[in-house]
Amino acid sequence: MSVNPELVGREFPPTAPYLVGREKVREFARAVFATDPQHEDTTAAQALGYADVVAPPTFAIVVQDLTLQQLLNLPDSGIVLERTVHAEQRFRYTRPIVAGDALTAKLSVTGVRPFGKGAMVTSESEITDDTGAHVVTAISVLLVGGEDA
């Protein structure tokens, strides 16, 4: 089965709120070698005007992953995980993610482009805080190989 072109325009329900924990931010920062003090030290973050530690920019993938799971679990998507690689990732921020945020994400598929025997699937996850304010849009491109790839 190839990637279903009818995925384009499909929107998924919002995820349950993800509470950003201080220790999760610290763990993620260590994992990606983000060594700026605001990622580890509450006092350093507060000196910069934030309520708590600030997540590195790529932390948004943790929340976006919740939406990508919705897409990958669709029985009619034609996306086979064993033939899929994460080809591209971009973020458009309104403000940084901070420990204590309760974030909700909503995925929409914005493109399916044939690529050899497979396809490139582009999706956008709009991530908002508990007031509904935009925090970040996470754009992901998955390269899905064809059956003979």
Protein backbone atom coordinates (compact mmCIF):
# COMPACT_ATOMS: atom_id res chain seq x y z
CA MET A 1 0.00 0.00 0.00
CA SER A 2 1.32 3.44 -0.88
CA VAL A 3 0.75 6.60 1.13
CA ASN A 4 -2.86 7.70 0.95
CA PRO A 5 -2.99 11.05 -0.94
CA GLU A 6 -6.32 11.79 0.76
CA LEU A 7 -4.39 12.49 3.95
CA VAL A 8 -3.84 16.06 2.71
CA GLY A 9 -6.12 18.37 4.64
CA ARG A 10 -6.90 15.82 7.32
CA GLU A 11 -6.99 17.29 10.81
CA PHE A 12 -6.75 15.35 14.03
CA PRO A 13 -8.34 16.03 17.40
CA PRO A 14 -6.29 17.98 19.93
CA THR A 15 -4.07 15.97 22.23
CA ALA A 16 -4.61 15.82 25.96
CA PRO A 17 -2.68 18.61 27.73
CA TYR A 18 1.00 17.85 28.23
CA LEU A 19 2.32 19.38 31.46
CA VAL A 20 5.91 20.51 30.90
CA GLY A 21 7.90 19.39 33.92
CA ARG A 22 11.03 21.10 35.20
CA GLU A 23 12.98 17.83 35.34
CA LYS A 24 11.86 16.88 31.82
CA VAL A 25 13.22 20.20 30.55
CA ARG A 26 16.50 19.61 32.37
CA GLU A 27 16.78 16.03 31.07
CA PHE A 28 16.05 17.12 27.50
CA ALA A 29 18.57 19.97 27.74
CA ARG A 30 21.28 17.54 28.88
CA ALA A 31 20.38 15.09 26.10
CA VAL A 32 20.77 17.74 23.38
CA PHE A 33 23.78 19.45 25.02
CA ALA A 34 21.89 22.70 25.61
CA THR A 35 24.13 24.17 28.28
CA ASP A 36 22.68 27.67 28.74
CA PRO A 37 21.81 28.23 32.42
CA GLN A 38 18.12 29.03 31.77
CA HIS A 39 17.58 25.36 30.81
CA GLU A 40 18.78 24.08 34.21
CA ASP A 41 18.56 26.86 36.77
CA THR A 42 15.24 28.43 37.79
CA THR A 43 16.99 31.54 39.13
CA ALA A 44 18.83 32.07 35.81
CA ALA A 45 15.54 31.66 33.91
CA GLN A 46 13.75 34.09 36.23
CA ALA A 47 16.55 36.63 35.77
CA LEU A 48 15.66 36.53 32.05
CA GLY A 49 11.97 37.13 32.83
CA TYR A 50 10.65 33.56 32.70
CA ALA A 51 8.59 31.89 35.41
CA ASP A 52 10.69 28.71 35.38
CA VAL A 53 13.33 26.86 33.37
CA VAL A 54 13.12 27.36 29.60
CA ALA A 55 13.01 24.35 27.29
CA PRO A 56 15.50 24.17 24.40
CA PRO A 57 13.79 25.00 21.09
CA THR A 58 13.70 21.38 19.93
CA PHE A 59 11.73 20.32 23.05
CA ALA A 60 8.56 20.96 21.04
CA ILE A 61 9.15 17.59 19.33
CA VAL A 62 8.13 15.91 22.61
CA VAL A 63 4.66 17.44 22.28
CA GLN A 64 4.53 17.08 18.50
CA ASP A 65 5.24 13.36 18.85
CA LEU A 66 1.83 12.95 20.49
CA THR A 67 0.22 14.22 17.28
CA LEU A 68 2.46 12.21 14.98
CA GLN A 69 1.37 9.05 16.80
CA GLN A 70 -2.20 9.83 15.73
CA LEU A 71 -1.09 9.95 12.10
CA LEU A 72 1.11 6.87 12.29
CA ASN A 73 -1.70 4.84 13.88
CA LEU A 74 -4.19 5.53 11.09
CA PRO A 75 -5.00 2.24 9.40
CA ASP A 76 -5.66 3.90 6.01
CA SER A 77 -2.58 6.17 5.95
CA GLY A 78 -0.33 3.84 3.99
CA ILE A 79 2.55 4.93 6.24
CA VAL A 80 4.59 1.93 7.29
CA LEU A 81 6.86 2.82 10.20
CA GLU A 82 9.56 0.34 9.16
CA ARG A 83 9.95 2.24 5.87
CA THR A 84 9.74 5.75 7.34
CA VAL A 85 12.47 8.22 8.22
CA HIS A 86 12.13 11.65 9.74
CA ALA A 87 13.44 13.80 6.89
CA GLU A 88 12.97 17.37 8.12
CA GLN A 89 11.90 19.34 11.18
CA ARG A 90 11.19 23.05 11.64
CA PHE A 91 9.69 25.19 14.40
CA ARG A 92 7.95 28.59 14.34
CA TYR A 93 7.79 30.00 17.85
CA THR A 94 5.61 32.73 19.33
CA ARG A 95 7.27 32.26 22.72
CA PRO A 96 9.56 29.72 24.42
CA ILE A 97 8.23 26.66 26.21
CA VAL A 98 8.65 26.98 29.98
CA ALA A 99 8.29 24.43 32.78
CA GLY A 100 4.74 24.62 34.07
CA ASP A 101 3.17 25.07 30.62
CA ALA A 102 0.20 22.83 29.85
CA LEU A 103 0.44 22.35 26.09
CA THR A 104 -2.10 20.95 23.65
CA ALA A 105 -1.29 20.09 20.05
CA LYS A 106 -3.40 19.67 16.94
CA LEU A 107 -2.03 18.03 13.79
CA SER A 108 -2.97 18.67 10.20
CA VAL A 109 -1.47 16.99 7.15
CA THR A 110 -0.44 19.71 4.71
CA GLY A 111 1.15 17.69 1.94
CA VAL A 112 1.75 14.27 0.40
CA ARG A 113 4.26 14.40 -2.43
CA PRO A 114 5.24 11.31 -4.42
CA PHE A 115 8.94 10.62 -4.17
CA GLY A 116 10.26 7.67 -6.15
CA LYS A 117 8.26 4.62 -5.03
CA GLY A 118 7.33 6.36 -1.79
CA ALA A 119 6.16 9.75 -0.65
CA MET A 120 7.04 12.73 1.51
CA VAL A 121 4.35 13.52 4.08
CA THR A 122 4.35 17.03 5.56
CA SER A 123 2.39 17.80 8.71
CA GLU A 124 2.03 20.76 11.03
CA SER A 125 1.30 20.61 14.74
CA GLU A 126 -0.13 23.78 16.24
CA ILE A 127 0.88 23.82 19.90
CA THR A 128 -1.02 26.10 22.27
CA ASP A 129 -0.97 26.76 26.01
CA ASP A 130 -3.83 26.36 28.47
CA THR A 131 -5.23 29.79 27.53
CA GLY A 132 -5.37 28.78 23.85
CA ALA A 133 -2.48 31.09 22.93
CA HIS A 134 -0.11 29.89 20.21
CA VAL A 135 3.30 28.77 21.47
CA VAL A 136 4.90 26.99 18.51
CA THR A 137 4.10 25.38 15.20
CA ALA A 138 6.13 22.21 14.61
CA ILE A 139 6.50 21.22 10.95
CA SER A 140 7.62 17.70 10.18
CA VAL A 141 8.41 15.89 6.94
CA LEU A 142 8.36 12.09 6.90
CA LEU A 143 9.93 10.21 4.01
CA VAL A 144 8.01 6.97 3.48
CA GLY A 145 9.65 4.38 1.27
CA GLY A 146 7.64 2.35 -1.23
CA GLU A 147 6.99 -1.36 -0.87
CA ASP A 148 9.98 -2.28 -3.04
CA ALA A 149 12.29 0.33 -1.48
